Amino acid sequence: MHLHKYEKYWLMFGIGSLIVFLLITGLMALNNSHETPNSQKTINPEKVSEIAPFNKPGVHKVAGKDWDYEVVVVASAFLYQPSEIKIPVNSKVKFIATSKDVVHGFEIAKTNINMMLEPGHISEYTTTVNKKGEFLVVCNEYCGMGHAEMHATLKVVDSK
């Protein structure tokens, strides 16, 4: 089989591009230690209930930080703690969450809040809640037989 010299050049370019791509991907994987980039903080997933702030999940008003409230969420077998979150409208909120058992999702419907909760990793997301209403919090990562029943509620209410 005879290949024209330009066909050979294109084949070499394609194979060379593939090799460069694989090398870059491999180096990035080694550099990041195979961890997701958004969860640089870690925790022992077997002792989540004993370690602050996860020993007191819920909404906490804070002072001296760039946000007004911290919402600490713990996900475990088909439930979120707390199951109901109330926040005043126009508040800057930092969501701090982790999982005790398997990978869970934390998505608040009709918002831009969407995190993956991995055992042993702390996920954080800061945003301003500026729409009043009741929003459904769902697990968007399949986590087992009770996955469809795993939900909570975010209530954004008038500030008083």
Protein backbone atom coordinates (compact mmCIF):
# COMPACT_ATOMS: atom_id res chain seq x y z
CA MET A 1 0.00 0.00 0.00
CA HIS A 2 1.38 3.34 -1.02
CA LEU A 3 0.69 6.52 1.00
CA HIS A 4 1.22 9.96 -0.40
CA LYS A 5 3.75 12.05 1.54
CA TYR A 6 1.02 14.48 2.73
CA GLU A 7 -1.04 11.57 4.05
CA LYS A 8 2.00 10.43 6.01
CA TYR A 9 2.39 13.93 7.46
CA TRP A 10 -1.26 14.01 8.56
CA LEU A 11 -0.98 10.55 10.12
CA MET A 12 2.16 11.60 12.01
CA PHE A 13 0.45 14.82 13.12
CA GLY A 14 -2.62 12.89 14.38
CA ILE A 15 -0.57 10.28 16.23
CA GLY A 16 1.71 12.97 17.67
CA SER A 17 -1.31 14.99 18.86
CA LEU A 18 -2.76 11.89 20.54
CA ILE A 19 0.53 11.18 22.34
CA VAL A 20 0.80 14.81 23.54
CA PHE A 21 -2.82 14.73 24.76
CA LEU A 22 -2.27 11.49 26.70
CA LEU A 23 0.95 12.81 28.26
CA ILE A 24 -0.73 16.04 29.39
CA THR A 25 -3.71 14.15 30.81
CA GLY A 26 -1.45 11.73 32.66
CA LEU A 27 0.72 14.48 34.12
CA MET A 28 -2.35 16.43 35.29
CA ALA A 29 -3.77 13.30 36.96
CA LEU A 30 -0.51 12.71 38.82
CA ASN A 31 -0.21 16.37 39.78
CA ASN A 32 -3.75 16.51 41.22
CA SER A 33 -3.34 13.18 43.05
CA HIS A 34 -6.56 11.93 41.42
CA GLU A 35 -8.68 14.26 43.59
CA THR A 36 -11.43 16.56 42.49
CA PRO A 37 -10.24 20.18 42.41
CA ASN A 38 -13.10 21.59 44.50
CA SER A 39 -12.54 19.48 47.63
CA GLN A 40 -9.06 20.26 48.88
CA LYS A 41 -10.10 19.89 52.54
CA THR A 42 -10.51 16.36 53.85
CA ILE A 43 -12.15 14.72 56.85
CA ASN A 44 -12.39 11.22 58.30
CA PRO A 45 -15.77 9.99 56.98
CA GLU A 46 -16.18 7.58 59.91
CA LYS A 47 -16.04 10.43 62.46
CA VAL A 48 -18.04 13.13 60.67
CA SER A 49 -20.52 13.45 63.56
CA GLU A 50 -17.68 14.18 66.01
CA ILE A 51 -15.79 16.82 63.98
CA ALA A 52 -16.74 20.51 63.83
CA PRO A 53 -18.64 21.98 62.07
CA PHE A 54 -20.38 18.73 61.06
CA ASN A 55 -21.18 17.83 64.66
CA LYS A 56 -23.82 20.62 64.55
CA PRO A 57 -25.42 20.63 61.08
CA GLY A 58 -27.78 23.49 60.32
CA VAL A 59 -27.86 27.23 59.65
CA HIS A 60 -25.43 29.37 61.65
CA LYS A 61 -25.21 33.18 61.56
CA VAL A 62 -21.57 34.27 61.41
CA ALA A 63 -19.78 37.56 61.96
CA GLY A 64 -16.46 38.83 60.68
CA LYS A 65 -16.52 36.79 57.46
CA ASP A 66 -17.36 37.60 53.86
CA TRP A 67 -20.69 35.80 54.20
CA ASP A 68 -23.66 36.17 56.58
CA TYR A 69 -24.61 32.53 57.17
CA GLU A 70 -22.98 29.12 57.10
CA VAL A 71 -25.15 26.16 56.21
CA VAL A 72 -23.54 22.94 57.38
CA VAL A 73 -24.97 19.86 55.64
CA VAL A 74 -24.24 16.19 56.25
CA ALA A 75 -25.46 13.65 53.70
CA SER A 76 -25.87 10.00 54.56
CA ALA A 77 -28.00 7.03 53.56
CA PHE A 78 -30.92 8.76 51.86
CA LEU A 79 -31.18 11.87 54.02
CA TYR A 80 -29.73 15.32 54.51
CA GLN A 81 -29.12 16.83 57.93
CA PRO A 82 -30.80 19.31 58.28
CA SER A 83 -33.84 18.42 56.21
CA GLU A 84 -35.09 22.02 56.23
CA ILE A 85 -32.91 25.11 55.77
CA LYS A 86 -34.29 28.65 56.39
CA ILE A 87 -32.32 31.65 55.20
CA PRO A 88 -33.31 35.33 54.93
CA VAL A 89 -33.51 36.68 51.38
CA ASN A 90 -30.47 38.63 50.06
CA SER A 91 -28.10 36.85 52.44
CA LYS A 92 -24.64 35.72 51.41
CA VAL A 93 -24.41 32.04 52.35
CA LYS A 94 -21.57 29.55 52.48
CA PHE A 95 -22.70 25.94 52.11
CA ILE A 96 -20.28 23.49 53.77
CA ALA A 97 -21.11 19.84 53.14
CA THR A 98 -19.78 16.29 53.25
CA SER A 99 -20.98 12.71 53.07
CA LYS A 100 -20.73 9.96 55.68
CA ASP A 101 -21.07 6.93 53.43
CA VAL A 102 -21.12 7.16 49.61
CA VAL A 103 -21.03 9.84 46.91
CA HIS A 104 -24.13 12.05 47.08
CA GLY A 105 -25.18 15.09 45.12
CA PHE A 106 -26.40 18.37 46.58
CA GLU A 107 -28.42 20.32 44.03
CA ILE A 108 -30.88 23.06 44.87
CA ALA A 109 -33.44 23.15 42.08
CA LYS A 110 -33.87 26.42 40.16
CA THR A 111 -30.56 27.81 41.50
CA ASN A 112 -26.91 27.57 40.52
CA ILE A 113 -26.05 25.52 43.64
CA ASN A 114 -24.77 22.08 42.72
CA MET A 115 -22.07 20.13 44.60
CA MET A 116 -20.80 16.58 44.68
CA LEU A 117 -20.42 15.27 48.23
CA GLU A 118 -17.74 12.64 48.58
CA PRO A 119 -16.90 10.71 51.76
CA GLY A 120 -13.71 12.13 53.22
CA HIS A 121 -13.93 15.45 51.34
CA ILE A 122 -15.44 18.79 52.34
CA SER A 123 -17.33 20.64 49.60
CA GLU A 124 -17.95 24.37 49.92
CA TYR A 125 -19.98 26.81 47.86
CA THR A 126 -20.63 30.50 48.54
CA THR A 127 -23.53 32.37 46.94
CA THR A 128 -26.12 35.06 47.58
CA VAL A 129 -29.71 33.86 47.84
CA ASN A 130 -31.80 36.62 46.33
CA LYS A 131 -35.06 34.89 45.37
CA LYS A 132 -37.72 34.25 47.99
CA GLY A 133 -39.44 30.91 47.91
CA GLU A 134 -39.19 27.26 48.71
CA PHE A 135 -36.60 25.26 46.80
CA LEU A 136 -36.15 21.51 46.60
CA VAL A 137 -32.75 20.07 47.51
CA VAL A 138 -32.14 16.80 45.69
CA CYS A 139 -29.41 14.20 45.45
CA ASN A 140 -28.35 14.13 41.82
CA GLU A 141 -25.83 11.28 42.20
CA TYR A 142 -27.30 7.79 42.38
CA CYS A 143 -26.58 6.57 45.92
CA GLY A 144 -28.66 3.40 46.33
CA MET A 145 -32.20 2.07 46.59
CA GLY A 146 -33.56 5.07 48.54
CA HIS A 147 -31.99 7.66 46.23
CA ALA A 148 -35.34 8.90 44.89
CA GLU A 149 -36.49 9.72 48.43
CA MET A 150 -33.39 11.74 49.34
CA HIS A 151 -34.41 15.38 49.49
CA ALA A 152 -34.56 18.45 51.71
CA THR A 153 -36.01 21.96 51.50
CA LEU A 154 -34.41 25.40 51.31
CA LYS A 155 -36.76 28.16 52.41
CA VAL A 156 -35.70 31.70 51.52
CA VAL A 157 -37.83 33.99 53.68
CA ASP A 158 -38.22 37.71 54.37
CA SER A 159 -35.55 39.05 56.69
CA LYS A 160 -36.97 40.10 60.03
